[in-house]
Amino acid sequence: MSFASFSEFLAMGSHGPYVWSAYGISFLVVLLNVALPLLARRRYLQEEARRLRREGAQ
């Protein structure tokens, strides 16, 4: 598939809003699937460090 201009590429033959919103939602889901476990791991490690400090202080 070839396009005469960049604006035609973005329009995708009048299917542009559907195509680009699908790409955007997919990218968001992939980003969340990477970011949320990393944030959960960081939170878990911080809680464990706090717990170990509390137990060591007693």
Protein backbone atom coordinates (compact mmCIF):
# COMPACT_ATOMS: atom_id res chain seq x y z
CA MET A 1 0.00 0.00 0.00
CA SER A 2 1.48 3.34 -0.97
CA PHE A 3 0.32 6.82 -0.07
CA ALA A 4 0.81 10.03 -2.06
CA SER A 5 1.40 12.15 1.06
CA PHE A 6 1.88 11.89 4.78
CA SER A 7 -1.62 13.26 5.41
CA GLU A 8 -3.07 10.45 3.28
CA PHE A 9 -1.01 8.01 5.32
CA LEU A 10 -2.47 9.39 8.55
CA ALA A 11 -6.00 9.32 7.12
CA MET A 12 -5.58 5.66 6.06
CA GLY A 13 -8.30 6.01 3.46
CA SER A 14 -10.80 7.39 6.02
CA HIS A 15 -10.01 4.57 8.47
CA GLY A 16 -7.35 6.64 10.24
CA PRO A 17 -9.20 7.32 13.51
CA TYR A 18 -9.91 3.61 13.98
CA VAL A 19 -6.40 2.51 12.99
CA TRP A 20 -4.53 5.06 15.09
CA SER A 21 -6.77 4.65 18.14
CA ALA A 22 -6.21 0.88 17.94
CA TYR A 23 -2.45 1.44 17.80
CA GLY A 24 -2.66 3.89 20.70
CA ILE A 25 -4.70 1.57 22.89
CA SER A 26 -2.38 -1.34 22.09
CA PHE A 27 0.67 0.75 22.95
CA LEU A 28 -0.94 1.83 26.23
CA VAL A 29 -1.70 -1.78 27.18
CA VAL A 30 1.86 -2.88 26.42
CA LEU A 31 3.24 0.07 28.40
CA LEU A 32 1.05 -0.78 31.39
CA ASN A 33 2.06 -4.46 31.18
CA VAL A 34 5.68 -3.36 31.54
CA ALA A 35 5.30 -0.49 34.01
CA LEU A 36 2.88 -1.95 36.58
CA PRO A 37 4.99 -5.01 37.50
CA LEU A 38 8.08 -2.80 37.80
CA LEU A 39 6.24 -0.43 40.14
CA ALA A 40 4.85 -3.35 42.15
CA ARG A 41 8.35 -4.83 42.50
CA ARG A 42 9.76 -1.50 43.69
CA ARG A 43 6.93 -1.13 46.22
CA TYR A 44 7.47 -4.71 47.47
CA LEU A 45 11.21 -4.18 47.90
CA GLN A 46 10.63 -0.94 49.79
CA GLU A 47 8.14 -2.63 52.10
CA GLU A 48 10.51 -5.54 52.72
CA ALA A 49 13.37 -3.15 53.50
CA ARG A 50 11.13 -1.31 55.97
CA ARG A 51 10.07 -4.60 57.57
CA LEU A 52 13.68 -5.78 57.90
CA ARG A 53 14.72 -2.46 59.48
CA ARG A 54 11.84 -2.74 61.99
CA GLU A 55 12.77 -6.31 62.88
CA GLY A 56 16.44 -5.42 63.17
CA ALA A 57 15.69 -2.52 65.53
CA GLN A 58 13.88 -4.76 68.02
